[in-house]
Amino acid sequence: MLQNESILEALNCYSLLFKKRRLRAQIQMKFFKQIRLNGGENPSEGRVEVFHDGKWGSICGDGWGIEEAMTVCRQLNLGYASEAVTKNNLFGGTPLEMIMSGVKCRVDETSIYRCQHDEWKNATCSKEDLAGVICVDGKVWLI
């Protein structure tokens, strides 16, 4: 009888550990935000696209500057931004629905999702004004 109780106790303990790990993984996935570059000639450049509410969308380029571009390159682990691009024709392709606008990042920000921005899907700019970046491996000095 004692052996059966020990087995049940061990199974309960294992079950609790499994539930804790699954919950931790669900929490991590909830806060993991996706971002990608699209339309560039290489993987280090392109228009910026973000994943929100189950779909990919574009970022409005109004006010898009080097701080925002640096944040994207840093988040994608692509080094530093050499240029913040706001011309859609530079990267070609068909732009997605604009879902993020008014992005303003601090120079030390690590994720575009942590930057100040307008309400999701409340973008009011034209499809010609998309946010893009060109990332480089070396450091770029801001003057």
N, C-alpha and C. Protein backbone atom coordinates (compact mmCIF):
# COMPACT_ATOMS: atom_id res chain seq x y z
N MET A 1 0.82 -1.19 0.00
CA MET A 1 0.00 0.00 0.00
C MET A 1 0.87 1.26 0.00
N LEU A 2 1.95 1.27 0.73
CA LEU A 2 2.84 2.39 0.81
C LEU A 2 3.48 2.69 -0.55
N GLN A 3 3.80 1.63 -1.27
CA GLN A 3 4.41 1.79 -2.59
C GLN A 3 3.43 2.46 -3.57
N ASN A 4 2.18 2.06 -3.53
CA ASN A 4 1.17 2.67 -4.39
C ASN A 4 0.98 4.15 -4.08
N GLU A 5 1.00 4.52 -2.81
CA GLU A 5 0.88 5.92 -2.42
C GLU A 5 2.07 6.73 -2.93
N SER A 6 3.26 6.16 -2.87
CA SER A 6 4.46 6.83 -3.37
C SER A 6 4.36 7.05 -4.87
N ILE A 7 3.84 6.07 -5.58
CA ILE A 7 3.68 6.20 -7.03
C ILE A 7 2.67 7.30 -7.35
N LEU A 8 1.55 7.31 -6.64
CA LEU A 8 0.54 8.35 -6.85
C LEU A 8 1.09 9.74 -6.53
N GLU A 9 1.85 9.83 -5.47
CA GLU A 9 2.46 11.10 -5.09
C GLU A 9 3.42 11.59 -6.17
N ALA A 10 4.23 10.68 -6.69
CA ALA A 10 5.17 11.01 -7.76
C ALA A 10 4.43 11.45 -9.02
N LEU A 11 3.34 10.78 -9.37
CA LEU A 11 2.55 11.15 -10.55
C LEU A 11 1.91 12.52 -10.38
N ASN A 12 1.39 12.80 -9.19
CA ASN A 12 0.81 14.12 -8.92
C ASN A 12 1.86 15.22 -9.04
N CYS A 13 3.04 14.95 -8.50
CA CYS A 13 4.14 15.92 -8.57
C CYS A 13 4.53 16.17 -10.03
N TYR A 14 4.65 15.09 -10.81
CA TYR A 14 4.99 15.21 -12.23
C TYR A 14 3.93 15.99 -12.97
N SER A 15 2.67 15.74 -12.66
CA SER A 15 1.56 16.42 -13.31
C SER A 15 1.61 17.93 -13.02
N LEU A 16 1.89 18.30 -11.78
CA LEU A 16 2.01 19.72 -11.42
C LEU A 16 3.17 20.38 -12.16
N LEU A 17 4.31 19.70 -12.23
CA LEU A 17 5.46 20.24 -12.95
C LEU A 17 5.12 20.46 -14.43
N PHE A 18 4.47 19.49 -15.04
CA PHE A 18 4.09 19.59 -16.44
C PHE A 18 3.15 20.78 -16.67
N LYS A 19 2.17 20.95 -15.77
CA LYS A 19 1.22 22.06 -15.89
C LYS A 19 1.93 23.40 -15.76
N LYS A 20 2.89 23.50 -14.83
CA LYS A 20 3.65 24.74 -14.65
C LYS A 20 4.47 25.07 -15.90
N ARG A 21 5.13 24.08 -16.47
CA ARG A 21 5.93 24.29 -17.68
C ARG A 21 5.06 24.70 -18.86
N ARG A 22 3.90 24.06 -19.01
CA ARG A 22 3.00 24.40 -20.11
C ARG A 22 2.49 25.83 -19.94
N LEU A 23 2.13 26.22 -18.72
CA LEU A 23 1.67 27.57 -18.46
C LEU A 23 2.78 28.59 -18.76
N ARG A 24 4.01 28.31 -18.34
CA ARG A 24 5.13 29.20 -18.61
C ARG A 24 5.34 29.36 -20.12
N ALA A 25 5.23 28.28 -20.87
CA ALA A 25 5.39 28.34 -22.33
C ALA A 25 4.27 29.17 -22.96
N GLN A 26 3.05 29.04 -22.46
CA GLN A 26 1.94 29.82 -22.99
C GLN A 26 2.15 31.31 -22.72
N ILE A 27 2.63 31.63 -21.54
CA ILE A 27 2.90 33.03 -21.20
C ILE A 27 3.99 33.59 -22.09
N GLN A 28 5.07 32.83 -22.30
CA GLN A 28 6.15 33.30 -23.16
C GLN A 28 5.66 33.52 -24.59
N MET A 29 4.83 32.63 -25.11
CA MET A 29 4.31 32.79 -26.47
C MET A 29 3.42 34.02 -26.57
N LYS A 30 2.69 34.32 -25.51
CA LYS A 30 1.81 35.48 -25.53
C LYS A 30 2.61 36.77 -25.69
N PHE A 31 3.79 36.83 -25.09
CA PHE A 31 4.58 38.04 -25.14
C PHE A 31 5.63 38.04 -26.25
N PHE A 32 5.75 36.94 -26.99
CA PHE A 32 6.69 36.88 -28.09
C PHE A 32 6.05 37.55 -29.29
N LYS A 33 6.63 38.62 -29.75
CA LYS A 33 6.07 39.39 -30.85
C LYS A 33 6.93 39.17 -32.09
N GLN A 34 6.26 38.98 -33.23
CA GLN A 34 6.98 38.70 -34.46
C GLN A 34 7.09 39.95 -35.32
N ILE A 35 8.21 40.01 -36.04
CA ILE A 35 8.50 41.11 -36.94
C ILE A 35 9.35 40.53 -38.07
N ARG A 36 9.22 41.10 -39.27
CA ARG A 36 10.03 40.62 -40.39
C ARG A 36 10.26 41.75 -41.39
N LEU A 37 11.24 41.54 -42.25
CA LEU A 37 11.51 42.46 -43.35
C LEU A 37 11.09 41.77 -44.64
N ASN A 38 10.48 42.54 -45.54
CA ASN A 38 9.99 41.95 -46.78
C ASN A 38 10.30 42.86 -47.96
N GLY A 39 10.63 42.26 -49.11
CA GLY A 39 10.81 43.01 -50.35
C GLY A 39 12.23 43.50 -50.60
N GLY A 40 13.15 43.25 -49.70
CA GLY A 40 14.52 43.70 -49.89
C GLY A 40 15.32 42.77 -50.80
N GLU A 41 16.49 43.24 -51.21
CA GLU A 41 17.37 42.42 -52.04
C GLU A 41 18.10 41.37 -51.22
N ASN A 42 18.17 41.56 -49.91
CA ASN A 42 18.79 40.58 -49.02
C ASN A 42 18.02 40.58 -47.70
N PRO A 43 18.29 39.61 -46.83
CA PRO A 43 17.52 39.49 -45.58
C PRO A 43 17.70 40.65 -44.60
N SER A 44 18.66 41.53 -44.84
CA SER A 44 18.94 42.63 -43.91
C SER A 44 18.25 43.94 -44.30
N GLU A 45 17.37 43.89 -45.27
CA GLU A 45 16.67 45.12 -45.67
C GLU A 45 15.26 44.79 -46.15
N GLY A 46 14.41 45.79 -46.09
CA GLY A 46 13.04 45.61 -46.58
C GLY A 46 12.06 46.46 -45.81
N ARG A 47 10.80 46.38 -46.24
CA ARG A 47 9.77 47.08 -45.49
C ARG A 47 9.47 46.25 -44.23
N VAL A 48 9.13 46.95 -43.17
CA VAL A 48 8.91 46.30 -41.88
C VAL A 48 7.46 45.83 -41.79
N GLU A 49 7.31 44.56 -41.41
CA GLU A 49 5.98 43.99 -41.21
C GLU A 49 5.91 43.38 -39.82
N VAL A 50 4.76 43.60 -39.17
CA VAL A 50 4.57 43.10 -37.81
C VAL A 50 3.38 42.15 -37.77
N PHE A 51 3.38 41.27 -36.79
CA PHE A 51 2.31 40.29 -36.63
C PHE A 51 1.45 40.72 -35.44
N HIS A 52 0.16 40.90 -35.71
CA HIS A 52 -0.75 41.33 -34.64
C HIS A 52 -2.14 40.74 -34.91
N ASP A 53 -2.77 40.24 -33.88
CA ASP A 53 -4.12 39.66 -33.97
C ASP A 53 -4.23 38.60 -35.07
N GLY A 54 -3.21 37.77 -35.17
CA GLY A 54 -3.27 36.64 -36.09
C GLY A 54 -2.94 36.92 -37.54
N LYS A 55 -2.46 38.14 -37.85
CA LYS A 55 -2.09 38.41 -39.24
C LYS A 55 -0.95 39.42 -39.33
N TRP A 56 -0.28 39.38 -40.48
CA TRP A 56 0.82 40.29 -40.76
C TRP A 56 0.29 41.59 -41.34
N GLY A 57 0.96 42.70 -41.00
CA GLY A 57 0.60 44.00 -41.54
C GLY A 57 1.80 44.91 -41.62
N SER A 58 1.62 46.03 -42.32
CA SER A 58 2.70 47.00 -42.53
C SER A 58 2.68 48.09 -41.46
N ILE A 59 3.78 48.83 -41.40
CA ILE A 59 3.90 49.97 -40.49
C ILE A 59 3.93 51.24 -41.33
N CYS A 60 3.16 52.23 -40.94
CA CYS A 60 3.13 53.52 -41.61
C CYS A 60 4.48 54.22 -41.43
N GLY A 61 4.96 54.84 -42.50
CA GLY A 61 6.26 55.50 -42.45
C GLY A 61 6.23 56.94 -41.99
N ASP A 62 5.06 57.49 -41.67
CA ASP A 62 4.99 58.87 -41.17
C ASP A 62 5.79 58.99 -39.88
N GLY A 63 6.78 59.84 -39.87
CA GLY A 63 7.61 60.04 -38.68
C GLY A 63 8.64 58.95 -38.45
N TRP A 64 8.75 58.00 -39.36
CA TRP A 64 9.70 56.89 -39.23
C TRP A 64 11.12 57.43 -39.37
N GLY A 65 11.96 57.15 -38.38
CA GLY A 65 13.32 57.67 -38.39
C GLY A 65 14.34 56.62 -38.00
N ILE A 66 15.56 57.08 -37.78
CA ILE A 66 16.67 56.16 -37.50
C ILE A 66 16.49 55.43 -36.17
N GLU A 67 15.86 56.06 -35.17
CA GLU A 67 15.64 55.38 -33.89
C GLU A 67 14.75 54.17 -34.06
N GLU A 68 13.68 54.32 -34.84
CA GLU A 68 12.76 53.21 -35.09
C GLU A 68 13.44 52.12 -35.91
N ALA A 69 14.21 52.54 -36.91
CA ALA A 69 14.95 51.57 -37.74
C ALA A 69 15.99 50.82 -36.91
N MET A 70 16.67 51.52 -36.01
CA MET A 70 17.66 50.86 -35.13
C MET A 70 16.98 49.81 -34.25
N THR A 71 15.79 50.14 -33.76
CA THR A 71 15.05 49.20 -32.92
C THR A 71 14.71 47.93 -33.70
N VAL A 72 14.28 48.08 -34.94
CA VAL A 72 13.93 46.91 -35.77
C VAL A 72 15.17 46.04 -36.02
N CYS A 73 16.28 46.66 -36.42
CA CYS A 73 17.50 45.90 -36.68
C CYS A 73 17.98 45.19 -35.42
N ARG A 74 17.88 45.87 -34.28
CA ARG A 74 18.27 45.27 -33.00
C ARG A 74 17.36 44.09 -32.66
N GLN A 75 16.06 44.26 -32.84
CA GLN A 75 15.10 43.21 -32.52
C GLN A 75 15.33 41.98 -33.40
N LEU A 76 15.69 42.18 -34.66
CA LEU A 76 15.92 41.08 -35.58
C LEU A 76 17.35 40.54 -35.50
N ASN A 77 18.15 41.13 -34.62
CA ASN A 77 19.54 40.71 -34.45
C ASN A 77 20.33 40.85 -35.76
N LEU A 78 20.11 41.98 -36.45
CA LEU A 78 20.76 42.24 -37.74
C LEU A 78 21.77 43.38 -37.66
N GLY A 79 22.22 43.70 -36.48
CA GLY A 79 23.21 44.76 -36.34
C GLY A 79 22.56 46.11 -36.14
N TYR A 80 22.95 47.07 -36.98
CA TYR A 80 22.53 48.45 -36.83
C TYR A 80 21.84 48.95 -38.09
N ALA A 81 21.03 49.99 -37.97
CA ALA A 81 20.36 50.56 -39.13
C ALA A 81 21.28 51.58 -39.80
N SER A 82 21.47 51.41 -41.09
CA SER A 82 22.21 52.42 -41.83
C SER A 82 21.24 53.43 -42.45
N GLU A 83 19.98 53.01 -42.58
CA GLU A 83 19.00 53.91 -43.17
C GLU A 83 17.59 53.55 -42.73
N ALA A 84 16.80 54.58 -42.48
CA ALA A 84 15.37 54.42 -42.23
C ALA A 84 14.67 54.80 -43.53
N VAL A 85 13.98 53.87 -44.14
CA VAL A 85 13.39 54.06 -45.47
C VAL A 85 11.89 54.27 -45.35
N THR A 86 11.36 55.23 -46.12
CA THR A 86 9.91 55.46 -46.14
C THR A 86 9.38 55.50 -47.57
N LYS A 87 10.14 55.00 -48.51
CA LYS A 87 9.67 54.95 -49.91
C LYS A 87 9.30 53.52 -50.25
N ASN A 88 8.05 53.25 -50.52
CA ASN A 88 7.57 51.91 -50.81
C ASN A 88 8.23 51.33 -52.06
N ASN A 89 8.44 52.15 -53.09
CA ASN A 89 8.96 51.63 -54.35
C ASN A 89 10.39 51.11 -54.23
N LEU A 90 11.08 51.44 -53.16
CA LEU A 90 12.44 50.95 -52.98
C LEU A 90 12.47 49.44 -52.77
N PHE A 91 11.47 48.89 -52.08
CA PHE A 91 11.44 47.46 -51.78
C PHE A 91 10.42 46.68 -52.61
N GLY A 92 9.62 47.35 -53.39
CA GLY A 92 8.69 46.67 -54.30
C GLY A 92 7.70 45.76 -53.58
N GLY A 93 7.06 44.92 -54.38
CA GLY A 93 6.08 43.99 -53.82
C GLY A 93 4.77 44.66 -53.48
N THR A 94 3.86 43.88 -52.99
CA THR A 94 2.55 44.38 -52.61
C THR A 94 2.51 44.60 -51.10
N PRO A 95 2.30 45.85 -50.69
CA PRO A 95 2.24 46.10 -49.24
C PRO A 95 1.00 45.49 -48.62
N LEU A 96 1.14 45.10 -47.37
CA LEU A 96 0.02 44.55 -46.61
C LEU A 96 -0.81 45.68 -46.03
N GLU A 97 -1.91 45.32 -45.42
CA GLU A 97 -2.74 46.32 -44.74
C GLU A 97 -1.91 47.03 -43.69
N MET A 98 -2.09 48.34 -43.60
CA MET A 98 -1.39 49.15 -42.62
C MET A 98 -2.04 48.94 -41.26
N ILE A 99 -1.29 48.39 -40.29
CA ILE A 99 -1.89 48.12 -38.98
C ILE A 99 -1.20 48.83 -37.83
N MET A 100 -0.07 49.50 -38.11
CA MET A 100 0.66 50.18 -37.04
C MET A 100 1.12 51.53 -37.57
N SER A 101 0.92 52.58 -36.78
CA SER A 101 1.36 53.91 -37.20
C SER A 101 1.77 54.73 -35.98
N GLY A 102 2.36 55.90 -36.26
CA GLY A 102 2.76 56.80 -35.18
C GLY A 102 3.84 56.21 -34.29
N VAL A 103 4.71 55.38 -34.84
CA VAL A 103 5.73 54.70 -34.05
C VAL A 103 6.83 55.68 -33.65
N LYS A 104 7.12 55.72 -32.37
CA LYS A 104 8.20 56.54 -31.82
C LYS A 104 8.97 55.70 -30.81
N CYS A 105 10.24 55.43 -31.10
CA CYS A 105 11.07 54.59 -30.23
C CYS A 105 12.14 55.42 -29.54
N ARG A 106 12.52 54.98 -28.35
CA ARG A 106 13.70 55.51 -27.68
C ARG A 106 14.92 54.84 -28.33
N VAL A 107 16.07 55.45 -28.21
CA VAL A 107 17.27 54.91 -28.86
C VAL A 107 17.70 53.57 -28.28
N ASP A 108 17.28 53.26 -27.04
CA ASP A 108 17.70 52.00 -26.41
C ASP A 108 16.60 50.93 -26.43
N GLU A 109 15.53 51.16 -27.19
CA GLU A 109 14.42 50.21 -27.22
C GLU A 109 14.85 48.89 -27.86
N THR A 110 14.30 47.77 -27.37
CA THR A 110 14.69 46.45 -27.88
C THR A 110 13.63 45.80 -28.75
N SER A 111 12.42 46.35 -28.78
CA SER A 111 11.34 45.77 -29.57
C SER A 111 10.43 46.88 -30.09
N ILE A 112 10.04 46.77 -31.34
CA ILE A 112 9.14 47.76 -31.94
C ILE A 112 7.79 47.76 -31.21
N TYR A 113 7.44 46.64 -30.61
CA TYR A 113 6.18 46.54 -29.88
C TYR A 113 6.21 47.34 -28.57
N ARG A 114 7.38 47.66 -28.08
CA ARG A 114 7.49 48.42 -26.83
C ARG A 114 7.55 49.92 -27.09
N CYS A 115 7.68 50.30 -28.36
CA CYS A 115 7.71 51.72 -28.72
C CYS A 115 6.31 52.30 -28.63
N GLN A 116 6.27 53.60 -28.41
CA GLN A 116 4.99 54.29 -28.41
C GLN A 116 4.42 54.23 -29.83
N HIS A 117 3.12 53.99 -29.97
CA HIS A 117 2.48 53.99 -31.29
C HIS A 117 0.99 54.23 -31.14
N ASP A 118 0.34 54.54 -32.25
CA ASP A 118 -1.10 54.76 -32.25
C ASP A 118 -1.81 53.44 -31.97
N GLU A 119 -3.12 53.53 -31.78
CA GLU A 119 -3.92 52.33 -31.58
C GLU A 119 -3.74 51.39 -32.77
N TRP A 120 -3.75 50.10 -32.50
CA TRP A 120 -3.62 49.11 -33.57
C TRP A 120 -4.72 49.30 -34.61
N LYS A 121 -4.35 49.11 -35.85
CA LYS A 121 -5.25 49.17 -37.01
C LYS A 121 -5.90 50.53 -37.18
N ASN A 122 -5.35 51.56 -36.57
CA ASN A 122 -5.88 52.90 -36.71
C ASN A 122 -4.93 53.76 -37.54
N ALA A 123 -4.25 53.14 -38.50
CA ALA A 123 -3.26 53.83 -39.32
C ALA A 123 -3.98 54.69 -40.37
N THR A 124 -3.50 55.91 -40.51
CA THR A 124 -4.16 56.84 -41.42
C THR A 124 -3.21 57.37 -42.48
N CYS A 125 -2.33 56.55 -42.99
CA CYS A 125 -1.43 57.03 -44.02
C CYS A 125 -1.60 56.19 -45.29
N SER A 126 -1.03 56.68 -46.38
CA SER A 126 -1.20 55.99 -47.66
C SER A 126 -0.28 54.78 -47.75
N LYS A 127 -0.60 53.87 -48.65
CA LYS A 127 0.21 52.66 -48.84
C LYS A 127 1.57 52.98 -49.43
N GLU A 128 1.77 54.20 -49.95
CA GLU A 128 3.06 54.59 -50.49
C GLU A 128 4.04 55.00 -49.40
N ASP A 129 3.54 55.20 -48.20
CA ASP A 129 4.36 55.70 -47.10
C ASP A 129 4.61 54.58 -46.08
N LEU A 130 5.41 53.60 -46.45
CA LEU A 130 5.68 52.44 -45.60
C LEU A 130 7.02 52.57 -44.89
N ALA A 131 7.10 52.00 -43.70
CA ALA A 131 8.34 51.99 -42.93
C ALA A 131 9.23 50.85 -43.42
N GLY A 132 10.50 51.16 -43.65
CA GLY A 132 11.46 50.15 -44.05
C GLY A 132 12.81 50.42 -43.42
N VAL A 133 13.70 49.45 -43.52
CA VAL A 133 15.04 49.61 -42.94
C VAL A 133 16.09 48.96 -43.84
N ILE A 134 17.30 49.45 -43.69
CA ILE A 134 18.48 48.79 -44.23
C ILE A 134 19.42 48.59 -43.05
N CYS A 135 19.65 47.33 -42.69
CA CYS A 135 20.48 46.98 -41.54
C CYS A 135 21.88 46.60 -42.01
N VAL A 136 22.88 46.89 -41.20
CA VAL A 136 24.27 46.54 -41.49
C VAL A 136 24.90 45.91 -40.25
N ASP A 137 25.96 45.14 -40.45
CA ASP A 137 26.64 44.49 -39.33
C ASP A 137 27.46 45.44 -38.50
N GLY A 138 28.09 46.43 -39.12
CA GLY A 138 28.97 47.35 -38.41
C GLY A 138 28.19 48.43 -37.69
N LYS A 139 28.87 49.13 -36.80
CA LYS A 139 28.23 50.23 -36.07
C LYS A 139 28.07 51.45 -36.98
N VAL A 140 26.97 52.15 -36.81
CA VAL A 140 26.72 53.39 -37.51
C VAL A 140 26.69 54.49 -36.46
N TRP A 141 27.43 55.56 -36.68
CA TRP A 141 27.49 56.64 -35.72
C TRP A 141 26.40 57.65 -36.00
N LEU A 142 25.60 57.97 -35.01
CA LEU A 142 24.57 58.99 -35.14
C LEU A 142 25.19 60.33 -34.79
N ILE A 143 25.05 61.27 -35.71
CA ILE A 143 25.65 62.59 -35.49
C ILE A 143 24.56 63.62 -35.33
